[in-house]
């Protein structure tokens, strides 16, 4: 997947995602990612959804999101 022109090189999600959801970005090596299954399950249990997984060099980058509630 080619990066979008509207994204900064170090940003792993489209800017409009930040307007619609609270976001958390997890960066981990491949070996570390396998060890974090419990953490990923906890995020899901708390209402966070895994939106995207990509790679950056030798790291996996996971973007979790939770819909923002209007105030």
PDB file of N, CA and C in Angstrom:
ATOM      1  N   UNK A   1       0.840  -1.175   0.000  1.00  0.00           N
ATOM      2  CA  UNK A   1       0.000   0.000   0.000  1.00  0.00           C
ATOM      3  C   UNK A   1       0.885   1.239   0.000  1.00  0.00           C
ATOM      4  N   UNK A   2       0.685   2.105  -0.923  1.00  0.00           N
ATOM      5  CA  UNK A   2       1.483   3.330  -1.013  1.00  0.00           C
ATOM      6  C   UNK A   2       0.986   4.340   0.005  1.00  0.00           C
ATOM      7  N   UNK A   3       1.912   5.080   0.640  1.00  0.00           N
ATOM      8  CA  UNK A   3       1.484   6.079   1.614  1.00  0.00           C
ATOM      9  C   UNK A   3       0.685   7.196   0.958  1.00  0.00           C
ATOM     10  N   UNK A   4      -0.296   7.693   1.667  1.00  0.00           N
ATOM     11  CA  UNK A   4      -1.106   8.808   1.172  1.00  0.00           C
ATOM     12  C   UNK A   4      -0.266  10.078   1.191  1.00  0.00           C
ATOM     13  N   UNK A   5      -0.490  10.961   0.250  1.00  0.00           N
ATOM     14  CA  UNK A   5       0.274  12.215   0.199  1.00  0.00           C
ATOM     15  C   UNK A   5      -0.048  13.129   1.374  1.00  0.00           C
ATOM     16  N   UNK A   6      -1.223  12.955   1.995  1.00  0.00           N
ATOM     17  CA  UNK A   6      -1.606  13.831   3.100  1.00  0.00           C
ATOM     18  C   UNK A   6      -1.026  13.389   4.435  1.00  0.00           C
ATOM     19  N   UNK A   7      -0.349  12.266   4.472  1.00  0.00           N
ATOM     20  CA  UNK A   7       0.227  11.757   5.712  1.00  0.00           C
ATOM     21  C   UNK A   7       1.677  12.209   5.861  1.00  0.00           C
ATOM     22  N   UNK A   8       2.071  12.474   7.104  1.00  0.00           N
ATOM     23  CA  UNK A   8       3.476  12.710   7.394  1.00  0.00           C
ATOM     24  C   UNK A   8       4.182  11.363   7.307  1.00  0.00           C
ATOM     25  N   UNK A   9       5.489  11.334   7.007  1.00  0.00           N
ATOM     26  CA  UNK A   9       6.187  10.061   6.853  1.00  0.00           C
ATOM     27  C   UNK A   9       6.114   9.162   8.094  1.00  0.00           C
ATOM     28  N   UNK A  10       6.019   9.751   9.282  1.00  0.00           N
ATOM     29  CA  UNK A  10       5.977   8.948  10.505  1.00  0.00           C
ATOM     30  C   UNK A  10       4.561   8.712  11.014  1.00  0.00           C
ATOM     31  N   UNK A  11       3.552   9.172  10.294  1.00  0.00           N
ATOM     32  CA  UNK A  11       2.166   8.988  10.708  1.00  0.00           C
ATOM     33  C   UNK A  11       1.600   7.786   9.958  1.00  0.00           C
ATOM     34  N   UNK A  12       1.058   6.829  10.697  1.00  0.00           N
ATOM     35  CA  UNK A  12       0.627   5.567  10.108  1.00  0.00           C
ATOM     36  C   UNK A  12      -0.876   5.467   9.923  1.00  0.00           C
ATOM     37  N   UNK A  13      -1.563   6.606   9.902  1.00  0.00           N
ATOM     38  CA  UNK A  13      -3.003   6.600   9.696  1.00  0.00           C
ATOM     39  C   UNK A  13      -3.414   7.926   9.064  1.00  0.00           C
ATOM     40  N   UNK A  14      -4.543   7.952   8.363  1.00  0.00           N
ATOM     41  CA  UNK A  14      -5.010   9.200   7.750  1.00  0.00           C
ATOM     42  C   UNK A  14      -5.375  10.237   8.817  1.00  0.00           C
ATOM     43  N   UNK A  15      -5.130  11.513   8.576  1.00  0.00           N
ATOM     44  CA  UNK A  15      -5.405  12.563   9.573  1.00  0.00           C
ATOM     45  C   UNK A  15      -6.854  12.596  10.039  1.00  0.00           C
ATOM     46  N   UNK A  16      -7.819  12.286   9.156  1.00  0.00           N
ATOM     47  CA  UNK A  16      -9.227  12.362   9.552  1.00  0.00           C
ATOM     48  C   UNK A  16      -9.587  11.317  10.612  1.00  0.00           C
ATOM     49  N   UNK A  17      -8.806  10.245  10.754  1.00  0.00           N
ATOM     50  CA  UNK A  17      -9.079   9.265  11.805  1.00  0.00           C
ATOM     51  C   UNK A  17      -9.008   9.929  13.171  1.00  0.00           C
ATOM     52  N   UNK A  18      -8.077  10.854  13.359  1.00  0.00           N
ATOM     53  CA  UNK A  18      -7.914  11.542  14.633  1.00  0.00           C
ATOM     54  C   UNK A  18      -9.083  12.438  14.983  1.00  0.00           C
ATOM     55  N   UNK A  19      -9.859  12.856  13.990  1.00  0.00           N
ATOM     56  CA  UNK A  19     -11.038  13.687  14.245  1.00  0.00           C
ATOM     57  C   UNK A  19     -12.219  12.843  14.695  1.00  0.00           C
ATOM     58  N   UNK A  20     -12.245  11.572  14.317  1.00  0.00           N
ATOM     59  CA  UNK A  20     -13.382  10.709  14.598  1.00  0.00           C
ATOM     60  C   UNK A  20     -13.167   9.767  15.771  1.00  0.00           C
ATOM     61  N   UNK A  21     -11.899   9.522  16.128  1.00  0.00           N
ATOM     62  CA  UNK A  21     -11.621   8.518  17.157  1.00  0.00           C
ATOM     63  C   UNK A  21     -10.396   8.905  17.971  1.00  0.00           C
ATOM     64  N   UNK A  22     -10.369   8.423  19.216  1.00  0.00           N
ATOM     65  CA  UNK A  22      -9.143   8.477  20.007  1.00  0.00           C
ATOM     66  C   UNK A  22      -8.271   7.359  19.471  1.00  0.00           C
ATOM     67  N   UNK A  23      -6.997   7.622  19.293  1.00  0.00           N
ATOM     68  CA  UNK A  23      -6.103   6.648  18.677  1.00  0.00           C
ATOM     69  C   UNK A  23      -4.938   6.312  19.591  1.00  0.00           C
ATOM     70  N   UNK A  24      -4.494   5.078  19.532  1.00  0.00           N
ATOM     71  CA  UNK A  24      -3.297   4.624  20.225  1.00  0.00           C
ATOM     72  C   UNK A  24      -2.469   3.872  19.199  1.00  0.00           C
ATOM     73  N   UNK A  25      -1.182   4.164  19.146  1.00  0.00           N
ATOM     74  CA  UNK A  25      -0.293   3.510  18.195  1.00  0.00           C
ATOM     75  C   UNK A  25       0.707   2.674  18.986  1.00  0.00           C
ATOM     76  N   UNK A  26       0.796   1.409  18.644  1.00  0.00           N
ATOM     77  CA  UNK A  26       1.727   0.485  19.282  1.00  0.00           C
ATOM     78  C   UNK A  26       2.787   0.109  18.265  1.00  0.00           C
ATOM     79  N   UNK A  27       4.053   0.296  18.637  1.00  0.00           N
ATOM     80  CA  UNK A  27       5.168  -0.104  17.782  1.00  0.00           C
ATOM     81  C   UNK A  27       5.900  -1.229  18.499  1.00  0.00           C
ATOM     82  N   UNK A  28       6.127  -2.346  17.793  1.00  0.00           N
ATOM     83  CA  UNK A  28       6.795  -3.490  18.416  1.00  0.00           C
ATOM     84  C   UNK A  28       7.520  -4.303  17.360  1.00  0.00           C
ATOM     85  N   UNK A  29       8.600  -4.931  17.777  1.00  0.00           N
ATOM     86  CA  UNK A  29       9.284  -5.873  16.897  1.00  0.00           C
ATOM     87  C   UNK A  29       8.407  -7.100  16.718  1.00  0.00           C
ATOM     88  N   UNK A  30       8.686  -7.887  15.697  1.00  0.00           N
ATOM     89  CA  UNK A  30       7.859  -9.057  15.395  1.00  0.00           C
ATOM     90  C   UNK A  30       7.787 -10.003  16.595  1.00  0.00           C
ATOM     91  N   UNK A  31       8.905 -10.256  17.252  1.00  0.00           N
ATOM     92  CA  UNK A  31       8.927 -11.151  18.402  1.00  0.00           C
ATOM     93  C   UNK A  31       8.101 -10.584  19.560  1.00  0.00           C
ATOM     94  N   UNK A  32       8.185  -9.277  19.789  1.00  0.00           N
ATOM     95  CA  UNK A  32       7.418  -8.632  20.862  1.00  0.00           C
ATOM     96  C   UNK A  32       5.930  -8.675  20.582  1.00  0.00           C
ATOM     97  N   UNK A  33       5.532  -8.528  19.302  1.00  0.00           N
ATOM     98  CA  UNK A  33       4.119  -8.507  18.932  1.00  0.00           C
ATOM     99  C   UNK A  33       3.441  -9.813  19.350  1.00  0.00           C
ATOM    100  N   UNK A  34       4.101 -10.941  19.140  1.00  0.00           N
ATOM    101  CA  UNK A  34       3.530 -12.230  19.522  1.00  0.00           C
ATOM    102  C   UNK A  34       3.322 -12.329  21.029  1.00  0.00           C
ATOM    103  N   UNK A  35       4.173 -11.692  21.819  1.00  0.00           N
ATOM    104  CA  UNK A  35       4.070 -11.750  23.276  1.00  0.00           C
ATOM    105  C   UNK A  35       2.969 -10.851  23.819  1.00  0.00           C
ATOM    106  N   UNK A  36       2.389  -9.986  22.984  1.00  0.00           N
ATOM    107  CA  UNK A  36       1.423  -9.003  23.464  1.00  0.00           C
ATOM    108  C   UNK A  36      -0.031  -9.394  23.214  1.00  0.00           C
ATOM    109  N   UNK A  37      -0.308 -10.677  23.036  1.00  0.00           N
ATOM    110  CA  UNK A  37      -1.685 -11.090  22.753  1.00  0.00           C
ATOM    111  C   UNK A  37      -2.624 -10.738  23.906  1.00  0.00           C
ATOM    112  N   UNK A  38      -2.154 -10.852  25.138  1.00  0.00           N
ATOM    113  CA  UNK A  38      -2.988 -10.496  26.294  1.00  0.00           C
ATOM    114  C   UNK A  38      -3.312  -9.008  26.265  1.00  0.00           C
ATOM    115  N   UNK A  39      -2.329  -8.183  25.938  1.00  0.00           N
ATOM    116  CA  UNK A  39      -2.548  -6.735  25.878  1.00  0.00           C
ATOM    117  C   UNK A  39      -3.563  -6.399  24.790  1.00  0.00           C
ATOM    118  N   UNK A  40      -3.453  -7.056  23.639  1.00  0.00           N
ATOM    119  CA  UNK A  40      -4.397  -6.811  22.550  1.00  0.00           C
ATOM    120  C   UNK A  40      -5.812  -7.211  22.954  1.00  0.00           C
ATOM    121  N   UNK A  41      -5.953  -8.326  23.659  1.00  0.00           N
ATOM    122  CA  UNK A  41      -7.269  -8.757  24.138  1.00  0.00           C
ATOM    123  C   UNK A  41      -7.844  -7.751  25.131  1.00  0.00           C
ATOM    124  N   UNK A  42      -6.998  -7.227  26.017  1.00  0.00           N
ATOM    125  CA  UNK A  42      -7.452  -6.213  26.982  1.00  0.00           C
ATOM    126  C   UNK A  42      -7.931  -4.955  26.266  1.00  0.00           C
ATOM    127  N   UNK A  43      -7.232  -4.537  25.222  1.00  0.00           N
ATOM    128  CA  UNK A  43      -7.652  -3.359  24.457  1.00  0.00           C
ATOM    129  C   UNK A  43      -9.041  -3.608  23.861  1.00  0.00           C
ATOM    130  N   UNK A  44      -9.266  -4.771  23.292  1.00  0.00           N
ATOM    131  CA  UNK A  44     -10.573  -5.103  22.710  1.00  0.00           C
ATOM    132  C   UNK A  44     -11.656  -5.109  23.781  1.00  0.00           C
ATOM    133  N   UNK A  45     -11.349  -5.676  24.932  1.00  0.00           N
ATOM    134  CA  UNK A  45     -12.318  -5.740  26.022  1.00  0.00           C
ATOM    135  C   UNK A  45     -12.714  -4.344  26.484  1.00  0.00           C
ATOM    136  N   UNK A  46     -11.802  -3.385  26.400  1.00  0.00           N
ATOM    137  CA  UNK A  46     -12.063  -2.006  26.829  1.00  0.00           C
ATOM    138  C   UNK A  46     -12.686  -1.151  25.728  1.00  0.00           C
ATOM    139  N   UNK A  47     -13.024  -1.765  24.602  1.00  0.00           N
ATOM    140  CA  UNK A  47     -13.716  -1.045  23.544  1.00  0.00           C
ATOM    141  C   UNK A  47     -12.837  -0.506  22.429  1.00  0.00           C
ATOM    142  N   UNK A  48     -11.551  -0.797  22.454  1.00  0.00           N
ATOM    143  CA  UNK A  48     -10.644  -0.355  21.393  1.00  0.00           C
ATOM    144  C   UNK A  48     -10.684  -1.366  20.260  1.00  0.00           C
ATOM    145  N   UNK A  49     -10.621  -0.886  19.017  1.00  0.00           N
ATOM    146  CA  UNK A  49     -10.617  -1.761  17.850  1.00  0.00           C
ATOM    147  C   UNK A  49      -9.286  -1.626  17.129  1.00  0.00           C
ATOM    148  N   UNK A  50      -8.776  -2.737  16.661  1.00  0.00           N
ATOM    149  CA  UNK A  50      -7.557  -2.719  15.864  1.00  0.00           C
ATOM    150  C   UNK A  50      -7.933  -2.226  14.473  1.00  0.00           C
ATOM    151  N   UNK A  51      -7.417  -1.051  14.091  1.00  0.00           N
ATOM    152  CA  UNK A  51      -7.787  -0.428  12.825  1.00  0.00           C
ATOM    153  C   UNK A  51      -6.846  -0.779  11.695  1.00  0.00           C
ATOM    154  N   UNK A  52      -5.570  -0.904  12.024  1.00  0.00           N
ATOM    155  CA  UNK A  52      -4.593  -1.112  10.958  1.00  0.00           C
ATOM    156  C   UNK A  52      -3.309  -1.664  11.539  1.00  0.00           C
ATOM    157  N   UNK A  53      -2.678  -2.541  10.794  1.00  0.00           N
ATOM    158  CA  UNK A  53      -1.341  -3.035  11.132  1.00  0.00           C
ATOM    159  C   UNK A  53      -0.480  -2.832   9.903  1.00  0.00           C
ATOM    160  N   UNK A  54       0.681  -2.227  10.098  1.00  0.00           N
ATOM    161  CA  UNK A  54       1.616  -2.020   8.997  1.00  0.00           C
ATOM    162  C   UNK A  54       3.029  -2.253   9.517  1.00  0.00           C
ATOM    163  N   UNK A  55       3.997  -2.133   8.648  1.00  0.00           N
ATOM    164  CA  UNK A  55       5.385  -2.289   9.063  1.00  0.00           C
ATOM    165  C   UNK A  55       6.141  -0.996   8.818  1.00  0.00           C
ATOM    166  N   UNK A  56       7.132  -0.784   9.656  1.00  0.00           N
ATOM    167  CA  UNK A  56       8.025   0.356   9.520  1.00  0.00           C
ATOM    168  C   UNK A  56       9.426  -0.159   9.839  1.00  0.00           C
ATOM    169  N   UNK A  57      10.200  -0.421   8.815  1.00  0.00           N
ATOM    170  CA  UNK A  57      11.507  -1.033   9.030  1.00  0.00           C
ATOM    171  C   UNK A  57      11.317  -2.437   9.572  1.00  0.00           C
ATOM    172  N   UNK A  58      11.906  -2.723  10.740  1.00  0.00           N
ATOM    173  CA  UNK A  58      11.763  -4.051  11.338  1.00  0.00           C
ATOM    174  C   UNK A  58      10.704  -4.074  12.444  1.00  0.00           C
ATOM    175  N   UNK A  59       9.835  -3.062  12.480  1.00  0.00           N
ATOM    176  CA  UNK A  59       8.778  -2.986  13.485  1.00  0.00           C
ATOM    177  C   UNK A  59       7.402  -3.179  12.857  1.00  0.00           C
ATOM    178  N   UNK A  60       6.496  -3.723  13.652  1.00  0.00           N
ATOM    179  CA  UNK A  60       5.077  -3.725  13.307  1.00  0.00           C
ATOM    180  C   UNK A  60       4.459  -2.518  13.989  1.00  0.00           C
ATOM    181  N   UNK A  61       3.548  -1.852  13.304  1.00  0.00           N
ATOM    182  CA  UNK A  61       2.881  -0.678  13.849  1.00  0.00           C
ATOM    183  C   UNK A  61       1.385  -0.961  13.827  1.00  0.00           C
ATOM    184  N   UNK A  62       0.773  -0.983  15.016  1.00  0.00           N
ATOM    185  CA  UNK A  62      -0.663  -1.249  15.115  1.00  0.00           C
ATOM    186  C   UNK A  62      -1.358   0.022  15.571  1.00  0.00           C
ATOM    187  N   UNK A  63      -2.456   0.352  14.904  1.00  0.00           N
ATOM    188  CA  UNK A  63      -3.242   1.531  15.269  1.00  0.00           C
ATOM    189  C   UNK A  63      -4.576   1.040  15.824  1.00  0.00           C
ATOM    190  N   UNK A  64      -4.837   1.397  17.095  1.00  0.00           N
ATOM    191  CA  UNK A  64      -6.100   1.079  17.751  1.00  0.00           C
ATOM    192  C   UNK A  64      -6.923   2.351  17.832  1.00  0.00           C
ATOM    193  N   UNK A  65      -8.232   2.221  17.696  1.00  0.00           N
ATOM    194  CA  UNK A  65      -9.114   3.378  17.765  1.00  0.00           C
ATOM    195  C   UNK A  65     -10.337   3.107  18.599  1.00  0.00           C
ATOM    196  N   UNK A  66     -10.853   4.187  19.177  1.00  0.00           N
ATOM    197  CA  UNK A  66     -12.081   4.143  19.968  1.00  0.00           C
ATOM    198  C   UNK A  66     -12.870   5.385  19.586  1.00  0.00           C
ATOM    199  N   UNK A  67     -14.114   5.212  19.142  1.00  0.00           N
ATOM    200  CA  UNK A  67     -14.915   6.324  18.657  1.00  0.00           C
ATOM    201  C   UNK A  67     -15.039   7.395  19.735  1.00  0.00           C
ATOM    202  N   UNK A  68     -14.832   8.657  19.315  1.00  0.00           N
ATOM    203  CA  UNK A  68     -14.982   9.781  20.235  1.00  0.00           C
ATOM    204  C   UNK A  68     -16.461  10.032  20.477  1.00  0.00           C
ATOM    205  N   UNK A  69     -16.793  10.388  21.706  1.00  0.00           N
ATOM    206  CA  UNK A  69     -18.162  10.741  22.034  1.00  0.00           C
ATOM    207  C   UNK A  69     -18.290  12.263  21.983  1.00  0.00           C
ATOM    208  N   UNK A  70     -19.302  12.788  21.293  1.00  0.00           N
ATOM    209  CA  UNK A  70     -19.470  14.246  21.225  1.00  0.00           C
ATOM    210  C   UNK A  70     -19.742  14.826  22.613  1.00  0.00           C
ATOM    211  N   UNK A  71     -19.199  16.012  22.837  1.00  0.00           N
ATOM    212  CA  UNK A  71     -19.404  16.687  24.132  1.00  0.00           C
ATOM    213  C   UNK A  71     -20.375  17.813  24.014  1.00  0.00           C
TER     214      UNK A  71
END
